[in-house]
Amino acid sequence: MADKDTVTGLSKLLADTYAVYLKTHGYHWNVRGPNFHSLHAMFMEQYTEMWQAIDEIAERIRALGELAPQGYRSFGNLSGIQDGDPNKDAAGMLKELIGDHEALIKTARAAREGADDVTAAVIDDRIQAHEKHAWMLRASLG
């Protein structure tokens, strides 16, 4: 049986990741402007990476002997990430996603406290991925 704090942290990380995945996918569909093609492609790369991570996080929760949260209501109760606004311009989308990845990094670091080595490795991979995503988004702001 896993430490409840670890599972709670992983559950929040799962919910936050799912929320940012959904927002990034929506911004992929709705981004406009002169940098459309590059942003459209980058958002796709990022949401695809997060889609795979969602499964890894949920499976880690299961490996720890707990049930992974599922469904929009469960995720909404666990996550502080707000839905995206398709009316934002590209810069607004980028700024919002940067903040979301920074929030995810904080969530991941909090979940890592007290985690066993295998769980910590999963979380470390998430921190590295979200740091890279935030960097790419910041670099795209110009």
N, C-alpha and C. Protein backbone atom coordinates (compact mmCIF):
# COMPACT_ATOMS: atom_id res chain seq x y z
N MET A 1 0.85 -1.19 0.00
CA MET A 1 0.00 0.00 0.00
C MET A 1 0.89 1.24 0.00
N ALA A 2 0.58 2.15 -0.87
CA ALA A 2 1.37 3.36 -1.02
C ALA A 2 1.00 4.40 0.03
N ASP A 3 1.90 5.32 0.21
CA ASP A 3 1.67 6.47 1.06
C ASP A 3 0.51 7.27 0.45
N LYS A 4 -0.48 7.60 1.27
CA LYS A 4 -1.66 8.34 0.78
C LYS A 4 -1.27 9.70 0.19
N ASP A 5 -0.27 10.37 0.79
CA ASP A 5 0.15 11.67 0.27
C ASP A 5 0.72 11.53 -1.14
N THR A 6 1.46 10.45 -1.38
CA THR A 6 2.02 10.21 -2.71
C THR A 6 0.91 10.01 -3.73
N VAL A 7 -0.07 9.19 -3.39
CA VAL A 7 -1.18 8.92 -4.31
C VAL A 7 -2.01 10.18 -4.53
N THR A 8 -2.22 10.95 -3.48
CA THR A 8 -2.96 12.21 -3.62
C THR A 8 -2.20 13.16 -4.56
N GLY A 9 -0.88 13.23 -4.38
CA GLY A 9 -0.07 14.08 -5.25
C GLY A 9 -0.09 13.62 -6.69
N LEU A 10 0.01 12.31 -6.89
CA LEU A 10 -0.06 11.76 -8.26
C LEU A 10 -1.43 12.00 -8.88
N SER A 11 -2.48 11.90 -8.08
CA SER A 11 -3.84 12.13 -8.59
C SER A 11 -4.01 13.57 -9.06
N LYS A 12 -3.47 14.52 -8.28
CA LYS A 12 -3.52 15.92 -8.69
C LYS A 12 -2.68 16.14 -9.94
N LEU A 13 -1.51 15.50 -9.99
CA LEU A 13 -0.66 15.61 -11.17
C LEU A 13 -1.38 15.05 -12.39
N LEU A 14 -2.08 13.95 -12.24
CA LEU A 14 -2.85 13.37 -13.33
C LEU A 14 -3.94 14.34 -13.80
N ALA A 15 -4.68 14.90 -12.85
CA ALA A 15 -5.76 15.83 -13.20
C ALA A 15 -5.22 17.09 -13.87
N ASP A 16 -4.16 17.66 -13.33
CA ASP A 16 -3.58 18.87 -13.92
C ASP A 16 -3.03 18.58 -15.32
N THR A 17 -2.38 17.43 -15.47
CA THR A 17 -1.85 17.07 -16.78
C THR A 17 -2.97 16.90 -17.79
N TYR A 18 -4.05 16.28 -17.39
CA TYR A 18 -5.18 16.09 -18.29
C TYR A 18 -5.77 17.44 -18.69
N ALA A 19 -5.89 18.35 -17.72
CA ALA A 19 -6.45 19.68 -18.01
C ALA A 19 -5.56 20.45 -19.00
N VAL A 20 -4.24 20.39 -18.81
CA VAL A 20 -3.34 21.10 -19.72
C VAL A 20 -3.30 20.40 -21.07
N TYR A 21 -3.41 19.09 -21.08
CA TYR A 21 -3.53 18.35 -22.35
C TYR A 21 -4.75 18.86 -23.13
N LEU A 22 -5.90 18.92 -22.48
CA LEU A 22 -7.13 19.37 -23.16
C LEU A 22 -6.99 20.80 -23.67
N LYS A 23 -6.42 21.68 -22.84
CA LYS A 23 -6.26 23.08 -23.25
C LYS A 23 -5.30 23.18 -24.44
N THR A 24 -4.20 22.45 -24.38
CA THR A 24 -3.22 22.50 -25.47
C THR A 24 -3.82 21.96 -26.75
N HIS A 25 -4.61 20.91 -26.65
CA HIS A 25 -5.26 20.34 -27.83
C HIS A 25 -6.25 21.35 -28.42
N GLY A 26 -7.01 22.01 -27.55
CA GLY A 26 -7.94 23.03 -28.02
C GLY A 26 -7.24 24.21 -28.67
N TYR A 27 -6.12 24.63 -28.09
CA TYR A 27 -5.37 25.73 -28.69
C TYR A 27 -4.74 25.30 -30.01
N HIS A 28 -4.40 24.05 -30.14
CA HIS A 28 -3.92 23.50 -31.43
C HIS A 28 -4.98 23.73 -32.51
N TRP A 29 -6.22 23.48 -32.17
CA TRP A 29 -7.32 23.67 -33.14
C TRP A 29 -7.57 25.14 -33.44
N ASN A 30 -7.44 26.00 -32.44
CA ASN A 30 -7.96 27.36 -32.55
C ASN A 30 -6.92 28.46 -32.69
N VAL A 31 -5.64 28.14 -32.67
CA VAL A 31 -4.63 29.18 -32.80
C VAL A 31 -4.73 29.82 -34.19
N ARG A 32 -4.45 31.11 -34.25
CA ARG A 32 -4.52 31.87 -35.49
C ARG A 32 -3.34 32.83 -35.55
N GLY A 33 -3.10 33.34 -36.71
CA GLY A 33 -2.09 34.37 -36.86
C GLY A 33 -0.92 33.94 -37.72
N PRO A 34 0.07 34.83 -37.83
CA PRO A 34 1.19 34.58 -38.74
C PRO A 34 2.06 33.39 -38.34
N ASN A 35 2.02 33.00 -37.07
CA ASN A 35 2.80 31.85 -36.62
C ASN A 35 1.94 30.60 -36.48
N PHE A 36 0.80 30.60 -37.16
CA PHE A 36 -0.14 29.48 -37.04
C PHE A 36 0.54 28.13 -37.22
N HIS A 37 1.24 27.95 -38.31
CA HIS A 37 1.76 26.62 -38.63
C HIS A 37 2.72 26.11 -37.56
N SER A 38 3.66 26.94 -37.13
CA SER A 38 4.63 26.49 -36.14
C SER A 38 3.97 26.25 -34.78
N LEU A 39 3.03 27.10 -34.39
CA LEU A 39 2.35 26.90 -33.11
C LEU A 39 1.43 25.69 -33.16
N HIS A 40 0.72 25.53 -34.26
CA HIS A 40 -0.16 24.38 -34.46
C HIS A 40 0.65 23.09 -34.30
N ALA A 41 1.81 23.02 -34.91
CA ALA A 41 2.67 21.83 -34.84
C ALA A 41 3.24 21.65 -33.43
N MET A 42 3.69 22.73 -32.79
CA MET A 42 4.25 22.61 -31.45
C MET A 42 3.19 22.16 -30.45
N PHE A 43 1.99 22.74 -30.54
CA PHE A 43 0.92 22.32 -29.64
C PHE A 43 0.63 20.83 -29.82
N MET A 44 0.63 20.36 -31.06
CA MET A 44 0.38 18.94 -31.32
C MET A 44 1.47 18.07 -30.68
N GLU A 45 2.71 18.49 -30.82
CA GLU A 45 3.81 17.75 -30.22
C GLU A 45 3.65 17.69 -28.70
N GLN A 46 3.27 18.81 -28.11
CA GLN A 46 3.14 18.86 -26.66
C GLN A 46 1.94 18.07 -26.16
N TYR A 47 0.77 18.20 -26.81
CA TYR A 47 -0.37 17.44 -26.30
C TYR A 47 -0.20 15.95 -26.53
N THR A 48 0.51 15.56 -27.57
CA THR A 48 0.78 14.14 -27.81
C THR A 48 1.67 13.58 -26.69
N GLU A 49 2.68 14.34 -26.30
CA GLU A 49 3.57 13.91 -25.21
C GLU A 49 2.78 13.78 -23.91
N MET A 50 1.92 14.76 -23.64
CA MET A 50 1.12 14.71 -22.41
C MET A 50 0.13 13.56 -22.41
N TRP A 51 -0.44 13.25 -23.58
CA TRP A 51 -1.38 12.14 -23.68
C TRP A 51 -0.73 10.84 -23.21
N GLN A 52 0.50 10.62 -23.63
CA GLN A 52 1.22 9.42 -23.20
C GLN A 52 1.51 9.47 -21.70
N ALA A 53 1.84 10.64 -21.19
CA ALA A 53 2.17 10.80 -19.78
C ALA A 53 0.96 10.54 -18.88
N ILE A 54 -0.22 10.92 -19.34
CA ILE A 54 -1.44 10.70 -18.56
C ILE A 54 -1.56 9.22 -18.22
N ASP A 55 -1.33 8.36 -19.19
CA ASP A 55 -1.41 6.93 -18.97
C ASP A 55 -0.34 6.45 -17.99
N GLU A 56 0.86 6.97 -18.13
CA GLU A 56 1.95 6.57 -17.23
C GLU A 56 1.65 6.95 -15.78
N ILE A 57 1.11 8.14 -15.57
CA ILE A 57 0.79 8.58 -14.21
C ILE A 57 -0.32 7.72 -13.62
N ALA A 58 -1.38 7.49 -14.41
CA ALA A 58 -2.49 6.67 -13.93
C ALA A 58 -2.03 5.25 -13.62
N GLU A 59 -1.20 4.70 -14.47
CA GLU A 59 -0.71 3.34 -14.23
C GLU A 59 0.20 3.28 -13.01
N ARG A 60 0.91 4.36 -12.71
CA ARG A 60 1.74 4.38 -11.50
C ARG A 60 0.84 4.37 -10.27
N ILE A 61 -0.26 5.11 -10.31
CA ILE A 61 -1.22 5.10 -9.20
C ILE A 61 -1.75 3.68 -9.00
N ARG A 62 -2.08 3.02 -10.08
CA ARG A 62 -2.58 1.63 -9.99
C ARG A 62 -1.50 0.70 -9.46
N ALA A 63 -0.26 0.88 -9.89
CA ALA A 63 0.84 0.04 -9.41
C ALA A 63 1.05 0.22 -7.90
N LEU A 64 0.67 1.37 -7.39
CA LEU A 64 0.78 1.63 -5.95
C LEU A 64 -0.43 1.08 -5.18
N GLY A 65 -1.34 0.43 -5.90
CA GLY A 65 -2.46 -0.24 -5.25
C GLY A 65 -3.70 0.61 -5.05
N GLU A 66 -3.75 1.75 -5.68
CA GLU A 66 -4.91 2.64 -5.56
C GLU A 66 -5.61 2.80 -6.90
N LEU A 67 -6.83 3.28 -6.86
CA LEU A 67 -7.57 3.55 -8.08
C LEU A 67 -7.23 4.96 -8.58
N ALA A 68 -7.02 5.07 -9.87
CA ALA A 68 -6.75 6.37 -10.48
C ALA A 68 -8.07 7.12 -10.65
N PRO A 69 -8.05 8.43 -10.38
CA PRO A 69 -9.27 9.20 -10.63
C PRO A 69 -9.58 9.18 -12.12
N GLN A 70 -10.86 9.28 -12.44
CA GLN A 70 -11.24 9.32 -13.85
C GLN A 70 -12.48 10.20 -14.01
N GLY A 71 -12.60 10.79 -15.15
CA GLY A 71 -13.76 11.60 -15.46
C GLY A 71 -13.55 13.08 -15.20
N TYR A 72 -14.30 13.87 -15.94
CA TYR A 72 -14.15 15.33 -15.86
C TYR A 72 -14.45 15.87 -14.47
N ARG A 73 -15.47 15.35 -13.81
CA ARG A 73 -15.81 15.85 -12.48
C ARG A 73 -14.69 15.57 -11.50
N SER A 74 -14.16 14.36 -11.51
CA SER A 74 -13.04 14.02 -10.61
C SER A 74 -11.84 14.89 -10.90
N PHE A 75 -11.50 15.03 -12.17
CA PHE A 75 -10.35 15.85 -12.54
C PHE A 75 -10.58 17.31 -12.17
N GLY A 76 -11.80 17.80 -12.40
CA GLY A 76 -12.12 19.18 -12.08
C GLY A 76 -12.01 19.47 -10.59
N ASN A 77 -12.36 18.48 -9.77
CA ASN A 77 -12.26 18.65 -8.32
C ASN A 77 -10.81 18.64 -7.84
N LEU A 78 -9.92 18.01 -8.59
CA LEU A 78 -8.52 17.89 -8.21
C LEU A 78 -7.63 18.99 -8.78
N SER A 79 -8.03 19.56 -9.91
CA SER A 79 -7.17 20.48 -10.65
C SER A 79 -7.58 21.94 -10.48
N GLY A 80 -6.59 22.80 -10.44
CA GLY A 80 -6.84 24.23 -10.43
C GLY A 80 -6.64 24.87 -11.80
N ILE A 81 -6.32 24.06 -12.80
CA ILE A 81 -6.09 24.57 -14.16
C ILE A 81 -7.44 24.96 -14.77
N GLN A 82 -7.49 26.17 -15.30
CA GLN A 82 -8.73 26.66 -15.91
C GLN A 82 -8.82 26.25 -17.37
N ASP A 83 -10.03 26.12 -17.88
CA ASP A 83 -10.23 25.83 -19.29
C ASP A 83 -9.63 26.94 -20.15
N GLY A 84 -9.22 26.56 -21.35
CA GLY A 84 -8.70 27.54 -22.29
C GLY A 84 -9.81 28.37 -22.91
N ASP A 85 -9.43 29.49 -23.48
CA ASP A 85 -10.36 30.40 -24.14
C ASP A 85 -9.96 30.48 -25.61
N PRO A 86 -10.77 29.89 -26.51
CA PRO A 86 -10.41 29.89 -27.92
C PRO A 86 -10.37 31.28 -28.55
N ASN A 87 -10.91 32.28 -27.86
CA ASN A 87 -10.90 33.64 -28.38
C ASN A 87 -9.58 34.36 -28.15
N LYS A 88 -8.70 33.78 -27.34
CA LYS A 88 -7.39 34.41 -27.09
C LYS A 88 -6.59 34.44 -28.39
N ASP A 89 -5.73 35.46 -28.49
CA ASP A 89 -4.80 35.47 -29.61
C ASP A 89 -3.64 34.52 -29.29
N ALA A 90 -2.77 34.31 -30.25
CA ALA A 90 -1.68 33.35 -30.08
C ALA A 90 -0.82 33.68 -28.86
N ALA A 91 -0.48 34.94 -28.67
CA ALA A 91 0.36 35.33 -27.53
C ALA A 91 -0.36 35.03 -26.21
N GLY A 92 -1.64 35.28 -26.17
CA GLY A 92 -2.41 34.98 -24.96
C GLY A 92 -2.44 33.49 -24.66
N MET A 93 -2.57 32.69 -25.71
CA MET A 93 -2.53 31.23 -25.54
C MET A 93 -1.18 30.79 -25.00
N LEU A 94 -0.12 31.32 -25.59
CA LEU A 94 1.23 30.95 -25.16
C LEU A 94 1.45 31.33 -23.70
N LYS A 95 1.09 32.54 -23.31
CA LYS A 95 1.29 32.99 -21.94
C LYS A 95 0.51 32.12 -20.95
N GLU A 96 -0.71 31.79 -21.31
CA GLU A 96 -1.52 30.95 -20.43
C GLU A 96 -0.92 29.57 -20.27
N LEU A 97 -0.48 28.97 -21.37
CA LEU A 97 0.12 27.64 -21.31
C LEU A 97 1.44 27.65 -20.53
N ILE A 98 2.21 28.72 -20.65
CA ILE A 98 3.44 28.83 -19.86
C ILE A 98 3.10 28.75 -18.37
N GLY A 99 2.12 29.53 -17.96
CA GLY A 99 1.69 29.51 -16.56
C GLY A 99 1.18 28.15 -16.13
N ASP A 100 0.48 27.47 -17.02
CA ASP A 100 -0.03 26.13 -16.70
C ASP A 100 1.11 25.13 -16.52
N HIS A 101 2.11 25.21 -17.38
CA HIS A 101 3.24 24.29 -17.23
C HIS A 101 4.02 24.60 -15.96
N GLU A 102 4.14 25.86 -15.61
CA GLU A 102 4.80 26.22 -14.35
C GLU A 102 4.00 25.68 -13.17
N ALA A 103 2.67 25.73 -13.24
CA ALA A 103 1.83 25.16 -12.19
C ALA A 103 2.01 23.64 -12.11
N LEU A 104 2.11 23.01 -13.27
CA LEU A 104 2.32 21.56 -13.31
C LEU A 104 3.66 21.17 -12.68
N ILE A 105 4.67 21.96 -12.91
CA ILE A 105 5.99 21.70 -12.32
C ILE A 105 5.88 21.77 -10.79
N LYS A 106 5.16 22.76 -10.27
CA LYS A 106 4.96 22.87 -8.82
C LYS A 106 4.18 21.67 -8.29
N THR A 107 3.14 21.27 -9.00
CA THR A 107 2.35 20.10 -8.60
C THR A 107 3.23 18.86 -8.57
N ALA A 108 4.05 18.69 -9.59
CA ALA A 108 4.93 17.52 -9.67
C ALA A 108 5.95 17.53 -8.54
N ARG A 109 6.53 18.67 -8.26
CA ARG A 109 7.54 18.75 -7.18
C ARG A 109 6.90 18.44 -5.83
N ALA A 110 5.69 18.90 -5.62
CA ALA A 110 4.99 18.60 -4.36
C ALA A 110 4.67 17.10 -4.28
N ALA A 111 4.29 16.49 -5.38
CA ALA A 111 3.99 15.06 -5.40
C ALA A 111 5.22 14.21 -5.15
N ARG A 112 6.38 14.75 -5.49
CA ARG A 112 7.63 13.99 -5.37
C ARG A 112 8.08 13.83 -3.92
N GLU A 113 7.67 14.75 -3.05
CA GLU A 113 8.09 14.69 -1.65
C GLU A 113 7.63 13.39 -1.01
N GLY A 114 8.60 12.62 -0.53
CA GLY A 114 8.29 11.36 0.14
C GLY A 114 7.99 10.19 -0.79
N ALA A 115 8.07 10.40 -2.10
CA ALA A 115 7.77 9.33 -3.04
C ALA A 115 8.91 8.31 -3.08
N ASP A 116 8.55 7.04 -3.36
CA ASP A 116 9.57 6.01 -3.52
C ASP A 116 10.37 6.29 -4.79
N ASP A 117 11.44 5.56 -4.99
CA ASP A 117 12.36 5.82 -6.10
C ASP A 117 11.69 5.69 -7.47
N VAL A 118 10.85 4.69 -7.65
CA VAL A 118 10.20 4.48 -8.95
C VAL A 118 9.21 5.61 -9.23
N THR A 119 8.43 5.96 -8.23
CA THR A 119 7.47 7.06 -8.39
C THR A 119 8.20 8.37 -8.63
N ALA A 120 9.29 8.59 -7.90
CA ALA A 120 10.08 9.81 -8.09
C ALA A 120 10.62 9.90 -9.50
N ALA A 121 11.02 8.77 -10.08
CA ALA A 121 11.53 8.76 -11.45
C ALA A 121 10.43 9.16 -12.44
N VAL A 122 9.21 8.66 -12.24
CA VAL A 122 8.08 9.05 -13.09
C VAL A 122 7.85 10.55 -12.98
N ILE A 123 7.86 11.05 -11.77
CA ILE A 123 7.63 12.48 -11.54
C ILE A 123 8.76 13.32 -12.12
N ASP A 124 9.99 12.87 -11.95
CA ASP A 124 11.13 13.60 -12.52
C ASP A 124 11.01 13.73 -14.04
N ASP A 125 10.53 12.67 -14.69
CA ASP A 125 10.30 12.73 -16.14
C ASP A 125 9.26 13.81 -16.48
N ARG A 126 8.24 13.93 -15.65
CA ARG A 126 7.20 14.93 -15.89
C ARG A 126 7.76 16.34 -15.68
N ILE A 127 8.55 16.52 -14.65
CA ILE A 127 9.15 17.84 -14.41
C ILE A 127 10.00 18.24 -15.61
N GLN A 128 10.82 17.33 -16.07
CA GLN A 128 11.68 17.62 -17.22
C GLN A 128 10.85 17.95 -18.45
N ALA A 129 9.79 17.21 -18.70
CA ALA A 129 8.95 17.47 -19.87
C ALA A 129 8.27 18.83 -19.78
N HIS A 130 7.74 19.17 -18.61
CA HIS A 130 7.02 20.45 -18.48
C HIS A 130 7.98 21.63 -18.49
N GLU A 131 9.18 21.44 -17.98
CA GLU A 131 10.19 22.51 -18.11
C GLU A 131 10.51 22.76 -19.57
N LYS A 132 10.63 21.69 -20.35
CA LYS A 132 10.92 21.83 -21.78
C LYS A 132 9.74 22.47 -22.51
N HIS A 133 8.52 22.03 -22.20
CA HIS A 133 7.34 22.63 -22.84
C HIS A 133 7.27 24.13 -22.55
N ALA A 134 7.48 24.50 -21.28
CA ALA A 134 7.43 25.93 -20.91
C ALA A 134 8.51 26.72 -21.64
N TRP A 135 9.69 26.15 -21.74
CA TRP A 135 10.79 26.81 -22.45
C TRP A 135 10.42 27.04 -23.92
N MET A 136 9.88 26.02 -24.57
CA MET A 136 9.50 26.14 -25.99
C MET A 136 8.42 27.21 -26.17
N LEU A 137 7.46 27.24 -25.26
CA LEU A 137 6.40 28.24 -25.33
C LEU A 137 6.96 29.64 -25.12
N ARG A 138 7.84 29.80 -24.11
CA ARG A 138 8.45 31.12 -23.85
C ARG A 138 9.26 31.58 -25.08
N ALA A 139 10.01 30.67 -25.67
CA ALA A 139 10.82 31.02 -26.84
C ALA A 139 9.94 31.43 -28.01
N SER A 140 8.73 30.93 -28.08
CA SER A 140 7.82 31.25 -29.18
C SER A 140 7.17 32.62 -29.03
N LEU A 141 7.24 33.18 -27.82
CA LEU A 141 6.69 34.52 -27.60
C LEU A 141 7.54 35.60 -28.25
N GLY A 142 8.82 35.30 -28.44
CA GLY A 142 9.70 36.26 -29.10
C GLY A 142 10.33 37.27 -28.20
